[in-house]
Amino acid sequence: MSSKNKRSEAVHKVFVACLGNPDRGDDRVGAAVTRALAGRLPDNAALVLRSGDMLALIDDWTGFDAVVCVDAAAAAGTPGRIRRIDLAGETLPVDVGVTSSHAFGLAETVELARTLQRAPAQIVVYAIEGERFETGAPMTAAVTAAVDEVARRVIDEVRRLGQGATALRAHA
């Protein structure tokens, strides 16, 4: 087998970042998905829960071939709705992250990483539309109900992204 074929069949390393503040209602969905994914991802994946400044993601994903992010989205009328956003062909909408107390949210972090040429080529975001983001509020029933489905989709996504260049072209 040629080295070119070996390279296209290589397993890609995938970084999974679940985002959010575990003390702010539906923004805690990232922590819930992290718990649902624990021990279920393939060996080529790393899983982190990030609740602080999103700029740290740039260092976190260094050395990975692809990134999957899970984040709460601002309320837009359908709590619990799951949106898959492939940043290879789409721009991350401003409404994906909830209003943050941090200087940079996910969209700004991805754009800065791209400018610095430190973003992986493949970044997929799973945004779960929330309804309630107040400090101390529990997660709403609709967002809680979406956790297992998001975890299932993330596992499938990691497997697909980890299959290498051939699988990525086939999905495009």
C-alpha atoms as a PDB file:
ATOM      1  CA  MET A   1       0.000   0.000   0.000  1.00  0.00           C
ATOM      2  CA  SER A   2       1.381   3.434  -0.879  1.00  0.00           C
ATOM      3  CA  SER A   3       2.054   6.060   1.788  1.00  0.00           C
ATOM      4  CA  LYS A   4      -0.661   8.223   0.201  1.00  0.00           C
ATOM      5  CA  ASN A   5      -3.288   5.510   0.849  1.00  0.00           C
ATOM      6  CA  LYS A   6      -2.007   4.965   4.390  1.00  0.00           C
ATOM      7  CA  ARG A   7      -2.356   8.655   5.090  1.00  0.00           C
ATOM      8  CA  SER A   8      -5.980   8.804   3.871  1.00  0.00           C
ATOM      9  CA  GLU A   9      -6.831   5.772   6.027  1.00  0.00           C
ATOM     10  CA  ALA A  10      -5.116   7.156   9.136  1.00  0.00           C
ATOM     11  CA  VAL A  11      -7.248   7.669  12.184  1.00  0.00           C
ATOM     12  CA  HIS A  12      -7.686  11.354  12.905  1.00  0.00           C
ATOM     13  CA  LYS A  13      -7.517  12.708  16.440  1.00  0.00           C
ATOM     14  CA  VAL A  14     -10.760  14.409  17.455  1.00  0.00           C
ATOM     15  CA  PHE A  15     -11.148  16.939  20.259  1.00  0.00           C
ATOM     16  CA  VAL A  16     -14.604  17.174  21.874  1.00  0.00           C
ATOM     17  CA  ALA A  17     -15.319  20.339  23.847  1.00  0.00           C
ATOM     18  CA  CYS A  18     -18.533  20.639  25.809  1.00  0.00           C
ATOM     19  CA  LEU A  19     -19.065  24.270  26.754  1.00  0.00           C
ATOM     20  CA  GLY A  20     -21.134  26.152  29.274  1.00  0.00           C
ATOM     21  CA  ASN A  21     -21.615  27.315  32.807  1.00  0.00           C
ATOM     22  CA  PRO A  22     -22.930  24.506  35.046  1.00  0.00           C
ATOM     23  CA  ASP A  23     -24.612  27.086  37.300  1.00  0.00           C
ATOM     24  CA  ARG A  24     -26.746  28.841  34.657  1.00  0.00           C
ATOM     25  CA  GLY A  25     -29.880  26.905  33.718  1.00  0.00           C
ATOM     26  CA  ASP A  26     -29.771  25.540  30.184  1.00  0.00           C
ATOM     27  CA  ASP A  27     -26.148  26.622  29.788  1.00  0.00           C
ATOM     28  CA  ARG A  28     -25.297  23.549  31.894  1.00  0.00           C
ATOM     29  CA  VAL A  29     -26.133  21.314  28.918  1.00  0.00           C
ATOM     30  CA  GLY A  30     -22.409  21.083  28.141  1.00  0.00           C
ATOM     31  CA  ALA A  31     -21.747  19.514  31.552  1.00  0.00           C
ATOM     32  CA  ALA A  32     -24.677  17.125  31.082  1.00  0.00           C
ATOM     33  CA  VAL A  33     -23.435  16.012  27.659  1.00  0.00           C
ATOM     34  CA  THR A  34     -19.912  15.561  29.076  1.00  0.00           C
ATOM     35  CA  ARG A  35     -21.335  13.146  31.664  1.00  0.00           C
ATOM     36  CA  ALA A  36     -23.316  11.323  28.965  1.00  0.00           C
ATOM     37  CA  LEU A  37     -20.172  10.925  26.814  1.00  0.00           C
ATOM     38  CA  ALA A  38     -17.827   9.803  29.606  1.00  0.00           C
ATOM     39  CA  GLY A  39     -16.285   6.458  28.695  1.00  0.00           C
ATOM     40  CA  ARG A  40     -18.176   6.202  25.396  1.00  0.00           C
ATOM     41  CA  LEU A  41     -15.832   7.912  22.922  1.00  0.00           C
ATOM     42  CA  PRO A  42     -13.289   6.036  20.792  1.00  0.00           C
ATOM     43  CA  ASP A  43      -9.606   6.094  21.786  1.00  0.00           C
ATOM     44  CA  ASN A  44      -8.789   8.726  19.153  1.00  0.00           C
ATOM     45  CA  ALA A  45     -10.937  11.333  20.972  1.00  0.00           C
ATOM     46  CA  ALA A  46     -10.314  13.621  23.916  1.00  0.00           C
ATOM     47  CA  LEU A  47     -13.206  15.084  25.934  1.00  0.00           C
ATOM     48  CA  VAL A  48     -13.156  18.285  27.991  1.00  0.00           C
ATOM     49  CA  LEU A  49     -15.697  20.478  29.714  1.00  0.00           C
ATOM     50  CA  ARG A  50     -14.795  24.138  29.292  1.00  0.00           C
ATOM     51  CA  SER A  51     -16.670  26.700  31.368  1.00  0.00           C
ATOM     52  CA  GLY A  52     -14.143  29.511  31.417  1.00  0.00           C
ATOM     53  CA  ASP A  53     -12.733  31.762  28.752  1.00  0.00           C
ATOM     54  CA  MET A  54     -13.154  30.127  25.357  1.00  0.00           C
ATOM     55  CA  LEU A  55      -9.752  31.384  24.169  1.00  0.00           C
ATOM     56  CA  ALA A  56      -8.207  28.417  26.004  1.00  0.00           C
ATOM     57  CA  LEU A  57      -9.737  26.180  23.306  1.00  0.00           C
ATOM     58  CA  ILE A  58      -7.050  27.309  20.870  1.00  0.00           C
ATOM     59  CA  ASP A  59      -4.393  25.626  23.011  1.00  0.00           C
ATOM     60  CA  ASP A  60      -6.700  22.729  23.926  1.00  0.00           C
ATOM     61  CA  TRP A  61      -7.232  21.614  20.325  1.00  0.00           C
ATOM     62  CA  THR A  62      -3.607  21.990  19.201  1.00  0.00           C
ATOM     63  CA  GLY A  63      -2.487  18.713  17.624  1.00  0.00           C
ATOM     64  CA  PHE A  64      -6.021  17.520  16.841  1.00  0.00           C
ATOM     65  CA  ASP A  65      -7.308  16.989  13.305  1.00  0.00           C
ATOM     66  CA  ALA A  66     -10.949  17.832  14.047  1.00  0.00           C
ATOM     67  CA  VAL A  67     -13.052  19.444  16.757  1.00  0.00           C
ATOM     68  CA  VAL A  68     -16.622  18.840  17.894  1.00  0.00           C
ATOM     69  CA  CYS A  69     -18.126  21.467  20.196  1.00  0.00           C
ATOM     70  CA  VAL A  70     -21.348  21.221  22.187  1.00  0.00           C
ATOM     71  CA  ASP A  71     -22.851  24.491  23.390  1.00  0.00           C
ATOM     72  CA  ALA A  72     -26.134  26.017  24.453  1.00  0.00           C
ATOM     73  CA  ALA A  73     -27.736  28.387  21.969  1.00  0.00           C
ATOM     74  CA  ALA A  74     -29.706  31.486  22.796  1.00  0.00           C
ATOM     75  CA  ALA A  75     -33.460  31.154  22.958  1.00  0.00           C
ATOM     76  CA  ALA A  76     -35.096  31.394  19.534  1.00  0.00           C
ATOM     77  CA  GLY A  77     -38.448  29.714  20.073  1.00  0.00           C
ATOM     78  CA  THR A  78     -37.771  25.949  20.222  1.00  0.00           C
ATOM     79  CA  PRO A  79     -36.045  24.903  23.459  1.00  0.00           C
ATOM     80  CA  GLY A  80     -34.219  21.606  23.092  1.00  0.00           C
ATOM     81  CA  ARG A  81     -33.802  21.936  19.317  1.00  0.00           C
ATOM     82  CA  ILE A  82     -30.412  20.578  18.198  1.00  0.00           C
ATOM     83  CA  ARG A  83     -28.564  22.282  15.363  1.00  0.00           C
ATOM     84  CA  ARG A  84     -25.489  20.816  13.674  1.00  0.00           C
ATOM     85  CA  ILE A  85     -23.240  23.494  12.209  1.00  0.00           C
ATOM     86  CA  ASP A  86     -20.271  22.400  10.083  1.00  0.00           C
ATOM     87  CA  LEU A  87     -17.836  25.302  10.115  1.00  0.00           C
ATOM     88  CA  ALA A  88     -16.065  24.005   6.999  1.00  0.00           C
ATOM     89  CA  GLY A  89     -18.997  25.361   4.989  1.00  0.00           C
ATOM     90  CA  GLU A  90     -20.874  27.635   7.375  1.00  0.00           C
ATOM     91  CA  THR A  91     -20.157  30.538   9.673  1.00  0.00           C
ATOM     92  CA  LEU A  92     -21.059  30.132  13.314  1.00  0.00           C
ATOM     93  CA  PRO A  93     -24.159  32.273  13.864  1.00  0.00           C
ATOM     94  CA  VAL A  94     -23.835  34.917  16.545  1.00  0.00           C
ATOM     95  CA  ASP A  95     -26.874  33.457  18.350  1.00  0.00           C
ATOM     96  CA  VAL A  96     -25.215  30.087  19.049  1.00  0.00           C
ATOM     97  CA  GLY A  97     -23.612  31.026  22.343  1.00  0.00           C
ATOM     98  CA  VAL A  98     -25.604  32.631  25.095  1.00  0.00           C
ATOM     99  CA  THR A  99     -24.504  36.035  26.269  1.00  0.00           C
ATOM    100  CA  SER A 100     -21.202  35.424  27.982  1.00  0.00           C
ATOM    101  CA  SER A 101     -19.423  37.222  30.772  1.00  0.00           C
ATOM    102  CA  HIS A 102     -16.176  36.261  29.051  1.00  0.00           C
ATOM    103  CA  ALA A 103     -14.364  38.419  26.528  1.00  0.00           C
ATOM    104  CA  PHE A 104     -14.515  35.754  23.811  1.00  0.00           C
ATOM    105  CA  GLY A 105     -17.246  33.304  22.988  1.00  0.00           C
ATOM    106  CA  LEU A 106     -16.985  30.284  20.704  1.00  0.00           C
ATOM    107  CA  ALA A 107     -17.592  32.207  17.448  1.00  0.00           C
ATOM    108  CA  GLU A 108     -14.895  34.766  18.233  1.00  0.00           C
ATOM    109  CA  THR A 109     -12.473  32.042  19.330  1.00  0.00           C
ATOM    110  CA  VAL A 110     -12.914  30.070  16.099  1.00  0.00           C
ATOM    111  CA  GLU A 111     -12.399  33.187  13.972  1.00  0.00           C
ATOM    112  CA  LEU A 112      -9.283  34.200  15.921  1.00  0.00           C
ATOM    113  CA  ALA A 113      -7.873  30.660  15.618  1.00  0.00           C
ATOM    114  CA  ARG A 114      -8.470  30.750  11.865  1.00  0.00           C
ATOM    115  CA  THR A 115      -6.747  34.126  11.585  1.00  0.00           C
ATOM    116  CA  LEU A 116      -3.770  32.749  13.535  1.00  0.00           C
ATOM    117  CA  GLN A 117      -3.866  29.545  11.437  1.00  0.00           C
ATOM    118  CA  ARG A 118      -4.400  27.502  14.614  1.00  0.00           C
ATOM    119  CA  ALA A 119      -7.854  26.091  13.852  1.00  0.00           C
ATOM    120  CA  PRO A 120      -8.327  22.497  12.735  1.00  0.00           C
ATOM    121  CA  ALA A 121      -9.771  22.152   9.231  1.00  0.00           C
ATOM    122  CA  GLN A 122     -12.858  20.366  10.578  1.00  0.00           C
ATOM    123  CA  ILE A 123     -14.949  22.015  13.304  1.00  0.00           C
ATOM    124  CA  VAL A 124     -18.504  20.884  13.933  1.00  0.00           C
ATOM    125  CA  VAL A 125     -20.755  22.528  16.516  1.00  0.00           C
ATOM    126  CA  TYR A 126     -23.833  20.999  18.102  1.00  0.00           C
ATOM    127  CA  ALA A 127     -25.918  23.863  19.451  1.00  0.00           C
ATOM    128  CA  ILE A 128     -28.845  23.068  21.750  1.00  0.00           C
ATOM    129  CA  GLU A 129     -31.381  25.833  21.947  1.00  0.00           C
ATOM    130  CA  GLY A 130     -32.024  26.872  25.529  1.00  0.00           C
ATOM    131  CA  GLU A 131     -34.724  28.830  27.253  1.00  0.00           C
ATOM    132  CA  ARG A 132     -33.521  29.728  30.748  1.00  0.00           C
ATOM    133  CA  PHE A 133     -29.994  30.917  31.567  1.00  0.00           C
ATOM    134  CA  GLU A 134     -30.316  32.549  34.982  1.00  0.00           C
ATOM    135  CA  THR A 135     -27.770  31.736  37.677  1.00  0.00           C
ATOM    136  CA  GLY A 136     -29.055  28.922  39.880  1.00  0.00           C
ATOM    137  CA  ALA A 137     -31.875  27.940  37.526  1.00  0.00           C
ATOM    138  CA  PRO A 138     -32.243  24.243  36.679  1.00  0.00           C
ATOM    139  CA  MET A 139     -32.045  22.990  33.103  1.00  0.00           C
ATOM    140  CA  THR A 140     -35.420  23.014  31.397  1.00  0.00           C
ATOM    141  CA  ALA A 141     -37.122  19.707  30.578  1.00  0.00           C
ATOM    142  CA  ALA A 142     -36.724  20.248  26.820  1.00  0.00           C
ATOM    143  CA  VAL A 143     -32.962  20.753  27.063  1.00  0.00           C
ATOM    144  CA  THR A 144     -32.581  17.857  29.498  1.00  0.00           C
ATOM    145  CA  ALA A 145     -34.444  15.640  27.019  1.00  0.00           C
ATOM    146  CA  ALA A 146     -31.945  16.580  24.263  1.00  0.00           C
ATOM    147  CA  VAL A 147     -28.826  15.456  26.175  1.00  0.00           C
ATOM    148  CA  ASP A 148     -28.838  11.771  25.198  1.00  0.00           C
ATOM    149  CA  GLU A 149     -29.564  12.564  21.546  1.00  0.00           C
ATOM    150  CA  VAL A 150     -26.720  15.092  21.420  1.00  0.00           C
ATOM    151  CA  ALA A 151     -24.367  12.544  23.000  1.00  0.00           C
ATOM    152  CA  ARG A 152     -25.374   9.941  20.399  1.00  0.00           C
ATOM    153  CA  ARG A 153     -24.779  12.418  17.565  1.00  0.00           C
ATOM    154  CA  VAL A 154     -21.400  13.450  18.967  1.00  0.00           C
ATOM    155  CA  ILE A 155     -20.282   9.806  19.181  1.00  0.00           C
ATOM    156  CA  ASP A 156     -21.317   9.286  15.544  1.00  0.00           C
ATOM    157  CA  GLU A 157     -19.567  12.517  14.538  1.00  0.00           C
ATOM    158  CA  VAL A 158     -16.334  11.533  16.283  1.00  0.00           C
ATOM    159  CA  ARG A 159     -16.357   8.165  14.534  1.00  0.00           C
ATOM    160  CA  ARG A 160     -16.923   9.842  11.163  1.00  0.00           C
ATOM    161  CA  LEU A 161     -14.271  12.517  11.693  1.00  0.00           C
ATOM    162  CA  GLY A 162     -11.817   9.954  12.999  1.00  0.00           C
ATOM    163  CA  GLN A 163     -12.000   7.856   9.832  1.00  0.00           C
ATOM    164  CA  GLY A 164      -9.688  10.154   7.913  1.00  0.00           C
ATOM    165  CA  ALA A 165      -9.754  12.186   4.733  1.00  0.00           C
ATOM    166  CA  THR A 166     -11.756   9.654   2.693  1.00  0.00           C
ATOM    167  CA  ALA A 167     -14.693   9.772   5.108  1.00  0.00           C
ATOM    168  CA  LEU A 168     -14.568  13.561   5.328  1.00  0.00           C
ATOM    169  CA  ARG A 169     -14.817  13.925   1.535  1.00  0.00           C
ATOM    170  CA  ALA A 170     -17.666  11.399   1.381  1.00  0.00           C
ATOM    171  CA  HIS A 171     -19.683  13.371   3.949  1.00  0.00           C
ATOM    172  CA  ALA A 172     -19.223  16.735   2.201  1.00  0.00           C
END
